[in-house]
Amino acid sequence: MPLKTDELRTQALGPMPTPSELSANHPITDDVAERIAHSRRQIEAFLRETMTVYCVS
């Protein structure tokens, strides 16, 4: 019998919850929502700047 060498640190999960189920079960405050939105804007700005540099050069 061959020795199993892959999938050693994984396990099966049950069904994933929908976004609406997550929101209902784990509500966030307005402060957290604003922090998430701000972080996403920063990432978007960084990616736009990075892509501009690579596309123009």
PDB file of N, CA and C in Angstrom:
ATOM      1  N   MET A   1       0.854  -1.185   0.000  1.00  0.00           N
ATOM      2  CA  MET A   1       0.000   0.000   0.000  1.00  0.00           C
ATOM      3  C   MET A   1       0.900   1.249   0.000  1.00  0.00           C
ATOM      4  N   PRO A   2       0.662   2.192  -0.940  1.00  0.00           N
ATOM      5  CA  PRO A   2       1.507   3.391  -1.000  1.00  0.00           C
ATOM      6  C   PRO A   2       1.293   4.303   0.209  1.00  0.00           C
ATOM      7  N   LEU A   3       2.347   4.996   0.569  1.00  0.00           N
ATOM      8  CA  LEU A   3       2.313   5.947   1.676  1.00  0.00           C
ATOM      9  C   LEU A   3       1.611   7.227   1.209  1.00  0.00           C
ATOM     10  N   LYS A   4       0.633   7.681   1.952  1.00  0.00           N
ATOM     11  CA  LYS A   4      -0.091   8.912   1.608  1.00  0.00           C
ATOM     12  C   LYS A   4       0.808  10.114   1.915  1.00  0.00           C
ATOM     13  N   THR A   5       1.057  10.944   0.901  1.00  0.00           N
ATOM     14  CA  THR A   5       1.956  12.089   1.084  1.00  0.00           C
ATOM     15  C   THR A   5       1.310  13.435   0.764  1.00  0.00           C
ATOM     16  N   ASP A   6       0.073  13.442   0.303  1.00  0.00           N
ATOM     17  CA  ASP A   6      -0.593  14.724   0.036  1.00  0.00           C
ATOM     18  C   ASP A   6      -1.870  14.825   0.870  1.00  0.00           C
ATOM     19  N   GLU A   7      -2.371  16.027   0.965  1.00  0.00           N
ATOM     20  CA  GLU A   7      -3.590  16.289   1.750  1.00  0.00           C
ATOM     21  C   GLU A   7      -3.444  15.862   3.211  1.00  0.00           C
ATOM     22  N   LEU A   8      -2.245  16.029   3.762  1.00  0.00           N
ATOM     23  CA  LEU A   8      -2.004  15.595   5.137  1.00  0.00           C
ATOM     24  C   LEU A   8      -2.546  16.580   6.169  1.00  0.00           C
ATOM     25  N   ARG A   9      -2.660  17.850   5.800  1.00  0.00           N
ATOM     26  CA  ARG A   9      -3.074  18.870   6.770  1.00  0.00           C
ATOM     27  C   ARG A   9      -4.429  19.468   6.444  1.00  0.00           C
ATOM     28  N   THR A  10      -5.234  18.758   5.677  1.00  0.00           N
ATOM     29  CA  THR A  10      -6.553  19.267   5.313  1.00  0.00           C
ATOM     30  C   THR A  10      -7.628  18.324   5.801  1.00  0.00           C
ATOM     31  N   GLN A  11      -8.812  18.855   5.896  1.00  0.00           N
ATOM     32  CA  GLN A  11      -9.946  18.025   6.261  1.00  0.00           C
ATOM     33  C   GLN A  11     -11.187  18.579   5.585  1.00  0.00           C
ATOM     34  N   ALA A  12     -12.160  17.747   5.400  1.00  0.00           N
ATOM     35  CA  ALA A  12     -13.399  18.159   4.744  1.00  0.00           C
ATOM     36  C   ALA A  12     -14.170  19.135   5.631  1.00  0.00           C
ATOM     37  N   LEU A  13     -14.831  20.090   4.992  1.00  0.00           N
ATOM     38  CA  LEU A  13     -15.686  21.046   5.691  1.00  0.00           C
ATOM     39  C   LEU A  13     -17.132  20.803   5.290  1.00  0.00           C
ATOM     40  N   GLY A  14     -18.029  21.275   6.108  1.00  0.00           N
ATOM     41  CA  GLY A  14     -19.438  21.203   5.763  1.00  0.00           C
ATOM     42  C   GLY A  14     -19.778  22.282   4.749  1.00  0.00           C
ATOM     43  N   PRO A  15     -21.036  22.458   4.444  1.00  0.00           N
ATOM     44  CA  PRO A  15     -21.438  23.482   3.483  1.00  0.00           C
ATOM     45  C   PRO A  15     -21.071  24.886   3.975  1.00  0.00           C
ATOM     46  N   MET A  16     -20.665  25.729   3.052  1.00  0.00           N
ATOM     47  CA  MET A  16     -20.301  27.102   3.395  1.00  0.00           C
ATOM     48  C   MET A  16     -21.562  27.937   3.578  1.00  0.00           C
ATOM     49  N   PRO A  17     -21.582  28.825   4.573  1.00  0.00           N
ATOM     50  CA  PRO A  17     -22.751  29.693   4.751  1.00  0.00           C
ATOM     51  C   PRO A  17     -22.810  30.752   3.652  1.00  0.00           C
ATOM     52  N   THR A  18     -23.996  31.217   3.364  1.00  0.00           N
ATOM     53  CA  THR A  18     -24.163  32.287   2.379  1.00  0.00           C
ATOM     54  C   THR A  18     -23.741  33.610   3.015  1.00  0.00           C
ATOM     55  N   PRO A  19     -23.456  34.622   2.210  1.00  0.00           N
ATOM     56  CA  PRO A  19     -23.137  35.933   2.771  1.00  0.00           C
ATOM     57  C   PRO A  19     -24.226  36.473   3.703  1.00  0.00           C
ATOM     58  N   SER A  20     -25.488  36.269   3.344  1.00  0.00           N
ATOM     59  CA  SER A  20     -26.564  36.761   4.212  1.00  0.00           C
ATOM     60  C   SER A  20     -26.605  36.011   5.538  1.00  0.00           C
ATOM     61  N   GLU A  21     -26.299  34.718   5.519  1.00  0.00           N
ATOM     62  CA  GLU A  21     -26.234  33.956   6.770  1.00  0.00           C
ATOM     63  C   GLU A  21     -25.086  34.450   7.644  1.00  0.00           C
ATOM     64  N   LEU A  22     -23.941  34.732   7.025  1.00  0.00           N
ATOM     65  CA  LEU A  22     -22.818  35.276   7.783  1.00  0.00           C
ATOM     66  C   LEU A  22     -23.174  36.606   8.424  1.00  0.00           C
ATOM     67  N   SER A  23     -23.804  37.484   7.652  1.00  0.00           N
ATOM     68  CA  SER A  23     -24.189  38.798   8.177  1.00  0.00           C
ATOM     69  C   SER A  23     -25.171  38.679   9.331  1.00  0.00           C
ATOM     70  N   ALA A  24     -26.103  37.763   9.209  1.00  0.00           N
ATOM     71  CA  ALA A  24     -27.104  37.578  10.268  1.00  0.00           C
ATOM     72  C   ALA A  24     -26.480  37.010  11.538  1.00  0.00           C
ATOM     73  N   ASN A  25     -25.530  36.097  11.368  1.00  0.00           N
ATOM     74  CA  ASN A  25     -24.924  35.434  12.527  1.00  0.00           C
ATOM     75  C   ASN A  25     -23.753  36.199  13.132  1.00  0.00           C
ATOM     76  N   HIS A  26     -23.138  37.098  12.355  1.00  0.00           N
ATOM     77  CA  HIS A  26     -21.968  37.835  12.825  1.00  0.00           C
ATOM     78  C   HIS A  26     -22.071  39.307  12.415  1.00  0.00           C
ATOM     79  N   PRO A  27     -22.991  40.045  13.020  1.00  0.00           N
ATOM     80  CA  PRO A  27     -23.137  41.455  12.634  1.00  0.00           C
ATOM     81  C   PRO A  27     -21.895  42.258  13.025  1.00  0.00           C
ATOM     82  N   ILE A  28     -21.638  43.339  12.271  1.00  0.00           N
ATOM     83  CA  ILE A  28     -20.494  44.199  12.573  1.00  0.00           C
ATOM     84  C   ILE A  28     -20.989  45.601  12.893  1.00  0.00           C
ATOM     85  N   THR A  29     -20.167  46.333  13.609  1.00  0.00           N
ATOM     86  CA  THR A  29     -20.523  47.703  13.964  1.00  0.00           C
ATOM     87  C   THR A  29     -20.234  48.626  12.787  1.00  0.00           C
ATOM     88  N   ASP A  30     -20.761  49.843  12.861  1.00  0.00           N
ATOM     89  CA  ASP A  30     -20.488  50.837  11.819  1.00  0.00           C
ATOM     90  C   ASP A  30     -19.002  51.142  11.733  1.00  0.00           C
ATOM     91  N   ASP A  31     -18.318  51.176  12.877  1.00  0.00           N
ATOM     92  CA  ASP A  31     -16.875  51.436  12.881  1.00  0.00           C
ATOM     93  C   ASP A  31     -16.106  50.353  12.126  1.00  0.00           C
ATOM     94  N   VAL A  32     -16.478  49.113  12.342  1.00  0.00           N
ATOM     95  CA  VAL A  32     -15.813  48.017  11.652  1.00  0.00           C
ATOM     96  C   VAL A  32     -16.104  48.087  10.149  1.00  0.00           C
ATOM     97  N   ALA A  33     -17.335  48.371   9.789  1.00  0.00           N
ATOM     98  CA  ALA A  33     -17.696  48.480   8.375  1.00  0.00           C
ATOM     99  C   ALA A  33     -16.904  49.594   7.700  1.00  0.00           C
ATOM    100  N   GLU A  34     -16.736  50.714   8.378  1.00  0.00           N
ATOM    101  CA  GLU A  34     -15.959  51.820   7.809  1.00  0.00           C
ATOM    102  C   GLU A  34     -14.490  51.440   7.685  1.00  0.00           C
ATOM    103  N   ARG A  35     -13.958  50.735   8.650  1.00  0.00           N
ATOM    104  CA  ARG A  35     -12.562  50.284   8.589  1.00  0.00           C
ATOM    105  C   ARG A  35     -12.342  49.348   7.394  1.00  0.00           C
ATOM    106  N   ILE A  36     -13.282  48.452   7.175  1.00  0.00           N
ATOM    107  CA  ILE A  36     -13.199  47.537   6.034  1.00  0.00           C
ATOM    108  C   ILE A  36     -13.243  48.326   4.731  1.00  0.00           C
ATOM    109  N   ALA A  37     -14.177  49.255   4.617  1.00  0.00           N
ATOM    110  CA  ALA A  37     -14.301  50.060   3.397  1.00  0.00           C
ATOM    111  C   ALA A  37     -13.030  50.872   3.155  1.00  0.00           C
ATOM    112  N   HIS A  38     -12.488  51.456   4.208  1.00  0.00           N
ATOM    113  CA  HIS A  38     -11.256  52.246   4.092  1.00  0.00           C
ATOM    114  C   HIS A  38     -10.089  51.369   3.642  1.00  0.00           C
ATOM    115  N   SER A  39      -9.973  50.201   4.226  1.00  0.00           N
ATOM    116  CA  SER A  39      -8.891  49.275   3.858  1.00  0.00           C
ATOM    117  C   SER A  39      -9.011  48.852   2.402  1.00  0.00           C
ATOM    118  N   ARG A  40     -10.226  48.597   1.960  1.00  0.00           N
ATOM    119  CA  ARG A  40     -10.431  48.211   0.557  1.00  0.00           C
ATOM    120  C   ARG A  40     -10.055  49.350  -0.386  1.00  0.00           C
ATOM    121  N   ARG A  41     -10.388  50.583  -0.004  1.00  0.00           N
ATOM    122  CA  ARG A  41     -10.003  51.740  -0.833  1.00  0.00           C
ATOM    123  C   ARG A  41      -8.495  51.869  -0.905  1.00  0.00           C
ATOM    124  N   GLN A  42      -7.803  51.650   0.198  1.00  0.00           N
ATOM    125  CA  GLN A  42      -6.339  51.712   0.196  1.00  0.00           C
ATOM    126  C   GLN A  42      -5.741  50.637  -0.710  1.00  0.00           C
ATOM    127  N   ILE A  43      -6.257  49.440  -0.638  1.00  0.00           N
ATOM    128  CA  ILE A  43      -5.760  48.352  -1.483  1.00  0.00           C
ATOM    129  C   ILE A  43      -6.015  48.667  -2.952  1.00  0.00           C
ATOM    130  N   GLU A  44      -7.207  49.164  -3.248  1.00  0.00           N
ATOM    131  CA  GLU A  44      -7.537  49.517  -4.629  1.00  0.00           C
ATOM    132  C   GLU A  44      -6.592  50.597  -5.153  1.00  0.00           C
ATOM    133  N   ALA A  45      -6.330  51.618  -4.356  1.00  0.00           N
ATOM    134  CA  ALA A  45      -5.429  52.690  -4.766  1.00  0.00           C
ATOM    135  C   ALA A  45      -4.020  52.150  -5.002  1.00  0.00           C
ATOM    136  N   PHE A  46      -3.559  51.290  -4.131  1.00  0.00           N
ATOM    137  CA  PHE A  46      -2.231  50.692  -4.288  1.00  0.00           C
ATOM    138  C   PHE A  46      -2.155  49.892  -5.576  1.00  0.00           C
ATOM    139  N   LEU A  47      -3.171  49.066  -5.827  1.00  0.00           N
ATOM    140  CA  LEU A  47      -3.163  48.246  -7.035  1.00  0.00           C
ATOM    141  C   LEU A  47      -3.230  49.099  -8.293  1.00  0.00           C
ATOM    142  N   ARG A  48      -4.040  50.149  -8.256  1.00  0.00           N
ATOM    143  CA  ARG A  48      -4.113  51.036  -9.421  1.00  0.00           C
ATOM    144  C   ARG A  48      -2.750  51.679  -9.683  1.00  0.00           C
ATOM    145  N   GLU A  49      -2.085  52.145  -8.648  1.00  0.00           N
ATOM    146  CA  GLU A  49      -0.767  52.771  -8.787  1.00  0.00           C
ATOM    147  C   GLU A  49       0.256  51.759  -9.303  1.00  0.00           C
ATOM    148  N   THR A  50       0.236  50.571  -8.753  1.00  0.00           N
ATOM    149  CA  THR A  50       1.178  49.535  -9.166  1.00  0.00           C
ATOM    150  C   THR A  50       0.949  49.152 -10.621  1.00  0.00           C
ATOM    151  N   MET A  51      -0.302  48.964 -11.010  1.00  0.00           N
ATOM    152  CA  MET A  51      -0.599  48.578 -12.381  1.00  0.00           C
ATOM    153  C   MET A  51      -0.237  49.682 -13.352  1.00  0.00           C
ATOM    154  N   THR A  52      -0.419  50.934 -12.960  1.00  0.00           N
ATOM    155  CA  THR A  52      -0.050  52.055 -13.829  1.00  0.00           C
ATOM    156  C   THR A  52       1.439  52.050 -14.064  1.00  0.00           C
ATOM    157  N   VAL A  53       2.220  51.824 -13.034  1.00  0.00           N
ATOM    158  CA  VAL A  53       3.683  51.811 -13.150  1.00  0.00           C
ATOM    159  C   VAL A  53       4.108  50.693 -14.104  1.00  0.00           C
ATOM    160  N   TYR A  54       3.552  49.511 -13.958  1.00  0.00           N
ATOM    161  CA  TYR A  54       3.954  48.392 -14.801  1.00  0.00           C
ATOM    162  C   TYR A  54       3.432  48.497 -16.226  1.00  0.00           C
ATOM    163  N   CYS A  55       2.265  49.098 -16.395  1.00  0.00           N
ATOM    164  CA  CYS A  55       1.688  49.200 -17.732  1.00  0.00           C
ATOM    165  C   CYS A  55       2.333  50.317 -18.545  1.00  0.00           C
ATOM    166  N   VAL A  56       2.773  51.374 -17.913  1.00  0.00           N
ATOM    167  CA  VAL A  56       3.345  52.533 -18.619  1.00  0.00           C
ATOM    168  C   VAL A  56       4.785  52.294 -18.989  1.00  0.00           C
ATOM    169  N   SER A  57       5.534  51.626 -18.142  1.00  0.00           N
ATOM    170  CA  SER A  57       6.973  51.446 -18.357  1.00  0.00           C
ATOM    171  C   SER A  57       7.306  50.751 -19.634  1.00  0.00           C
TER     172      SER A  57
END
